[in-house]
PDB file of N, CA and C in Angstrom:
ATOM      1  N   UNK A   1       4.331  -5.112  -7.655  1.00  0.00           N
ATOM      2  CA  UNK A   1       5.305  -4.152  -7.164  1.00  0.00           C
ATOM      3  C   UNK A   1       4.997  -3.870  -5.698  1.00  0.00           C
ATOM      4  N   UNK A   2       6.035  -3.715  -4.925  1.00  0.00           N
ATOM      5  CA  UNK A   2       5.891  -3.378  -3.516  1.00  0.00           C
ATOM      6  C   UNK A   2       6.500  -2.007  -3.273  1.00  0.00           C
ATOM      7  N   UNK A   3       5.785  -1.170  -2.580  1.00  0.00           N
ATOM      8  CA  UNK A   3       6.307   0.144  -2.199  1.00  0.00           C
ATOM      9  C   UNK A   3       6.822   0.019  -0.774  1.00  0.00           C
ATOM     10  N   UNK A   4       8.108   0.277  -0.613  1.00  0.00           N
ATOM     11  CA  UNK A   4       8.714   0.233   0.717  1.00  0.00           C
ATOM     12  C   UNK A   4       9.127   1.641   1.106  1.00  0.00           C
ATOM     13  N   UNK A   5       8.810   2.004   2.321  1.00  0.00           N
ATOM     14  CA  UNK A   5       9.164   3.318   2.831  1.00  0.00           C
ATOM     15  C   UNK A   5      10.254   3.182   3.878  1.00  0.00           C
ATOM     16  N   UNK A   6      11.191   4.107   3.851  1.00  0.00           N
ATOM     17  CA  UNK A   6      12.233   4.104   4.867  1.00  0.00           C
ATOM     18  C   UNK A   6      11.626   4.519   6.200  1.00  0.00           C
ATOM     19  N   UNK A   7      12.355   4.257   7.262  1.00  0.00           N
ATOM     20  CA  UNK A   7      11.884   4.678   8.587  1.00  0.00           C
ATOM     21  C   UNK A   7      11.711   6.190   8.636  1.00  0.00           C
ATOM     22  N   UNK A   8      12.612   6.912   7.983  1.00  0.00           N
ATOM     23  CA  UNK A   8      12.509   8.370   7.959  1.00  0.00           C
ATOM     24  C   UNK A   8      11.245   8.820   7.222  1.00  0.00           C
ATOM     25  N   UNK A   9      10.936   8.168   6.102  1.00  0.00           N
ATOM     26  CA  UNK A   9       9.720   8.513   5.360  1.00  0.00           C
ATOM     27  C   UNK A   9       8.478   8.229   6.191  1.00  0.00           C
ATOM     28  N   UNK A  10       8.461   7.094   6.877  1.00  0.00           N
ATOM     29  CA  UNK A  10       7.318   6.756   7.732  1.00  0.00           C
ATOM     30  C   UNK A  10       7.161   7.797   8.833  1.00  0.00           C
ATOM     31  N   UNK A  11       8.282   8.202   9.410  1.00  0.00           N
ATOM     32  CA  UNK A  11       8.244   9.221  10.465  1.00  0.00           C
ATOM     33  C   UNK A  11       7.728  10.557   9.927  1.00  0.00           C
ATOM     34  N   UNK A  12       8.223  10.954   8.754  1.00  0.00           N
ATOM     35  CA  UNK A  12       7.764  12.205   8.136  1.00  0.00           C
ATOM     36  C   UNK A  12       6.270  12.161   7.842  1.00  0.00           C
ATOM     37  N   UNK A  13       5.808  11.038   7.312  1.00  0.00           N
ATOM     38  CA  UNK A  13       4.384  10.908   6.994  1.00  0.00           C
ATOM     39  C   UNK A  13       3.533  10.929   8.259  1.00  0.00           C
ATOM     40  N   UNK A  14       4.006  10.310   9.319  1.00  0.00           N
ATOM     41  CA  UNK A  14       3.271  10.329  10.598  1.00  0.00           C
ATOM     42  C   UNK A  14       3.193  11.746  11.144  1.00  0.00           C
ATOM     43  N   UNK A  15       4.292  12.485  11.023  1.00  0.00           N
ATOM     44  CA  UNK A  15       4.277  13.880  11.486  1.00  0.00           C
ATOM     45  C   UNK A  15       3.299  14.715  10.671  1.00  0.00           C
ATOM     46  N   UNK A  16       3.300  14.516   9.363  1.00  0.00           N
ATOM     47  CA  UNK A  16       2.372  15.257   8.510  1.00  0.00           C
ATOM     48  C   UNK A  16       0.938  14.897   8.857  1.00  0.00           C
ATOM     49  N   UNK A  17       0.666  13.602   9.031  1.00  0.00           N
ATOM     50  CA  UNK A  17      -0.682  13.152   9.402  1.00  0.00           C
ATOM     51  C   UNK A  17      -1.115  13.800  10.716  1.00  0.00           C
ATOM     52  N   UNK A  18      -0.234  13.773  11.706  1.00  0.00           N
ATOM     53  CA  UNK A  18      -0.560  14.367  13.003  1.00  0.00           C
ATOM     54  C   UNK A  18      -0.808  15.862  12.897  1.00  0.00           C
ATOM     55  N   UNK A  19      -0.024  16.519  12.055  1.00  0.00           N
ATOM     56  CA  UNK A  19      -0.197  17.962  11.854  1.00  0.00           C
ATOM     57  C   UNK A  19      -1.579  18.256  11.274  1.00  0.00           C
ATOM     58  N   UNK A  20      -1.938  17.519  10.213  1.00  0.00           N
ATOM     59  CA  UNK A  20      -3.249  17.743   9.601  1.00  0.00           C
ATOM     60  C   UNK A  20      -4.375  17.370  10.553  1.00  0.00           C
ATOM     61  N   UNK A  21      -4.193  16.316  11.328  1.00  0.00           N
ATOM     62  CA  UNK A  21      -5.215  15.918  12.304  1.00  0.00           C
ATOM     63  C   UNK A  21      -5.430  17.020  13.341  1.00  0.00           C
ATOM     64  N   UNK A  22      -4.335  17.646  13.778  1.00  0.00           N
ATOM     65  CA  UNK A  22      -4.434  18.712  14.774  1.00  0.00           C
ATOM     66  C   UNK A  22      -5.201  19.916  14.228  1.00  0.00           C
ATOM     67  N   UNK A  23      -5.084  20.143  12.931  1.00  0.00           N
ATOM     68  CA  UNK A  23      -5.808  21.255  12.317  1.00  0.00           C
ATOM     69  C   UNK A  23      -7.273  20.919  12.114  1.00  0.00           C
ATOM     70  N   UNK A  24      -7.509  19.698  11.582  1.00  0.00           N
ATOM     71  CA  UNK A  24      -8.879  19.309  11.254  1.00  0.00           C
ATOM     72  C   UNK A  24      -8.854  17.845  10.821  1.00  0.00           C
ATOM     73  N   UNK A  25      -9.748  17.038  11.381  1.00  0.00           N
ATOM     74  CA  UNK A  25      -9.786  15.623  11.022  1.00  0.00           C
ATOM     75  C   UNK A  25     -10.040  15.411   9.536  1.00  0.00           C
ATOM     76  N   UNK A  26     -10.826  16.271   8.936  1.00  0.00           N
ATOM     77  CA  UNK A  26     -11.092  16.138   7.505  1.00  0.00           C
ATOM     78  C   UNK A  26      -9.804  16.328   6.697  1.00  0.00           C
ATOM     79  N   UNK A  27      -8.944  17.254   7.130  1.00  0.00           N
ATOM     80  CA  UNK A  27      -7.664  17.430   6.444  1.00  0.00           C
ATOM     81  C   UNK A  27      -6.805  16.177   6.568  1.00  0.00           C
ATOM     82  N   UNK A  28      -6.828  15.560   7.734  1.00  0.00           N
ATOM     83  CA  UNK A  28      -6.092  14.312   7.917  1.00  0.00           C
ATOM     84  C   UNK A  28      -6.579  13.261   6.927  1.00  0.00           C
ATOM     85  N   UNK A  29      -7.893  13.115   6.802  1.00  0.00           N
ATOM     86  CA  UNK A  29      -8.459  12.122   5.885  1.00  0.00           C
ATOM     87  C   UNK A  29      -8.106  12.439   4.437  1.00  0.00           C
ATOM     88  N   UNK A  30      -8.150  13.710   4.078  1.00  0.00           N
ATOM     89  CA  UNK A  30      -7.798  14.100   2.707  1.00  0.00           C
ATOM     90  C   UNK A  30      -6.328  13.802   2.426  1.00  0.00           C
ATOM     91  N   UNK A  31      -5.461  14.089   3.393  1.00  0.00           N
ATOM     92  CA  UNK A  31      -4.039  13.800   3.246  1.00  0.00           C
ATOM     93  C   UNK A  31      -3.812  12.304   3.038  1.00  0.00           C
ATOM     94  N   UNK A  32      -4.426  11.487   3.892  1.00  0.00           N
ATOM     95  CA  UNK A  32      -4.248  10.042   3.790  1.00  0.00           C
ATOM     96  C   UNK A  32      -4.822   9.488   2.487  1.00  0.00           C
ATOM     97  N   UNK A  33      -5.954  10.037   2.040  1.00  0.00           N
ATOM     98  CA  UNK A  33      -6.536   9.606   0.765  1.00  0.00           C
ATOM     99  C   UNK A  33      -5.615   9.954  -0.405  1.00  0.00           C
ATOM    100  N   UNK A  34      -5.026  11.143  -0.368  1.00  0.00           N
ATOM    101  CA  UNK A  34      -4.096  11.538  -1.430  1.00  0.00           C
ATOM    102  C   UNK A  34      -2.840  10.670  -1.405  1.00  0.00           C
ATOM    103  N   UNK A  35      -2.359  10.344  -0.221  1.00  0.00           N
ATOM    104  CA  UNK A  35      -1.201   9.459  -0.100  1.00  0.00           C
ATOM    105  C   UNK A  35      -1.509   8.099  -0.704  1.00  0.00           C
ATOM    106  N   UNK A  36      -2.676   7.559  -0.394  1.00  0.00           N
ATOM    107  CA  UNK A  36      -3.094   6.279  -0.978  1.00  0.00           C
ATOM    108  C   UNK A  36      -3.155   6.367  -2.498  1.00  0.00           C
ATOM    109  N   UNK A  37      -3.664   7.469  -3.016  1.00  0.00           N
ATOM    110  CA  UNK A  37      -3.761   7.663  -4.460  1.00  0.00           C
ATOM    111  C   UNK A  37      -2.375   7.663  -5.100  1.00  0.00           C
ATOM    112  N   UNK A  38      -1.454   8.378  -4.490  1.00  0.00           N
ATOM    113  CA  UNK A  38      -0.095   8.450  -5.035  1.00  0.00           C
ATOM    114  C   UNK A  38       0.563   7.075  -5.026  1.00  0.00           C
ATOM    115  N   UNK A  39       0.427   6.344  -3.935  1.00  0.00           N
ATOM    116  CA  UNK A  39       1.023   5.010  -3.857  1.00  0.00           C
ATOM    117  C   UNK A  39       0.381   4.076  -4.875  1.00  0.00           C
ATOM    118  N   UNK A  40      -0.933   4.147  -5.021  1.00  0.00           N
ATOM    119  CA  UNK A  40      -1.617   3.328  -6.033  1.00  0.00           C
ATOM    120  C   UNK A  40      -1.100   3.636  -7.437  1.00  0.00           C
ATOM    121  N   UNK A  41      -0.873   4.915  -7.734  1.00  0.00           N
ATOM    122  CA  UNK A  41      -0.359   5.296  -9.057  1.00  0.00           C
ATOM    123  C   UNK A  41       1.058   4.783  -9.262  1.00  0.00           C
ATOM    124  N   UNK A  42       1.876   4.839  -8.213  1.00  0.00           N
ATOM    125  CA  UNK A  42       3.237   4.307  -8.317  1.00  0.00           C
ATOM    126  C   UNK A  42       3.229   2.820  -8.629  1.00  0.00           C
ATOM    127  N   UNK A  43       2.323   2.109  -7.995  1.00  0.00           N
ATOM    128  CA  UNK A  43       2.230   0.664  -8.215  1.00  0.00           C
ATOM    129  C   UNK A  43       1.675   0.369  -9.605  1.00  0.00           C
ATOM    130  N   UNK A  44       0.674   1.115 -10.007  1.00  0.00           N
ATOM    131  CA  UNK A  44       0.016   0.871 -11.288  1.00  0.00           C
ATOM    132  C   UNK A  44       0.865   1.316 -12.477  1.00  0.00           C
ATOM    133  N   UNK A  45       1.548   2.431 -12.334  1.00  0.00           N
ATOM    134  CA  UNK A  45       2.330   3.006 -13.432  1.00  0.00           C
ATOM    135  C   UNK A  45       3.757   3.295 -12.959  1.00  0.00           C
ATOM    136  N   UNK A  46       4.548   2.276 -12.668  1.00  0.00           N
ATOM    137  CA  UNK A  46       5.875   2.506 -12.085  1.00  0.00           C
ATOM    138  C   UNK A  46       6.849   3.242 -13.004  1.00  0.00           C
ATOM    139  N   UNK A  47       6.619   3.216 -14.307  1.00  0.00           N
ATOM    140  CA  UNK A  47       7.550   3.857 -15.248  1.00  0.00           C
ATOM    141  C   UNK A  47       7.007   5.131 -15.866  1.00  0.00           C
ATOM    142  N   UNK A  48       5.924   5.629 -15.345  1.00  0.00           N
ATOM    143  CA  UNK A  48       5.298   6.814 -15.914  1.00  0.00           C
ATOM    144  C   UNK A  48       6.152   8.064 -15.672  1.00  0.00           C
ATOM    145  N   UNK A  49       6.190   8.907 -16.645  1.00  0.00           N
ATOM    146  CA  UNK A  49       6.883  10.193 -16.526  1.00  0.00           C
ATOM    147  C   UNK A  49       5.988  11.139 -15.750  1.00  0.00           C
ATOM    148  N   UNK A  50       6.397  11.519 -14.562  1.00  0.00           N
ATOM    149  CA  UNK A  50       5.554  12.349 -13.709  1.00  0.00           C
ATOM    150  C   UNK A  50       5.617  13.822 -14.057  1.00  0.00           C
ATOM    151  N   UNK A  51       6.434  14.205 -15.021  1.00  0.00           N
ATOM    152  CA  UNK A  51       6.527  15.604 -15.374  1.00  0.00           C
ATOM    153  C   UNK A  51       5.251  16.140 -15.999  1.00  0.00           C
ATOM    154  N   UNK A  52       4.382  15.229 -16.483  1.00  0.00           N
ATOM    155  CA  UNK A  52       3.128  15.691 -17.084  1.00  0.00           C
ATOM    156  C   UNK A  52       1.928  15.554 -16.156  1.00  0.00           C
ATOM    157  N   UNK A  53       2.168  15.227 -14.896  1.00  0.00           N
ATOM    158  CA  UNK A  53       1.094  15.089 -13.921  1.00  0.00           C
ATOM    159  C   UNK A  53       0.811  16.440 -13.297  1.00  0.00           C
ATOM    160  N   UNK A  54      -0.466  16.756 -13.155  1.00  0.00           N
ATOM    161  CA  UNK A  54      -0.870  18.050 -12.578  1.00  0.00           C
ATOM    162  C   UNK A  54      -0.607  18.083 -11.107  1.00  0.00           C
TER     163      UNK A  54
END
């Protein structure tokens, strides 16, 4: 499975990354790590019902 992001999504994610970086580099890293986790879950479990995810 390939996850494709629209240009708008990429722009939004870059803005969020920059915002967290401006606050604290550790927050930027945590944000990017969580983003990677979410994308990995989408690829691994593309049909999972997310209503039961915490």
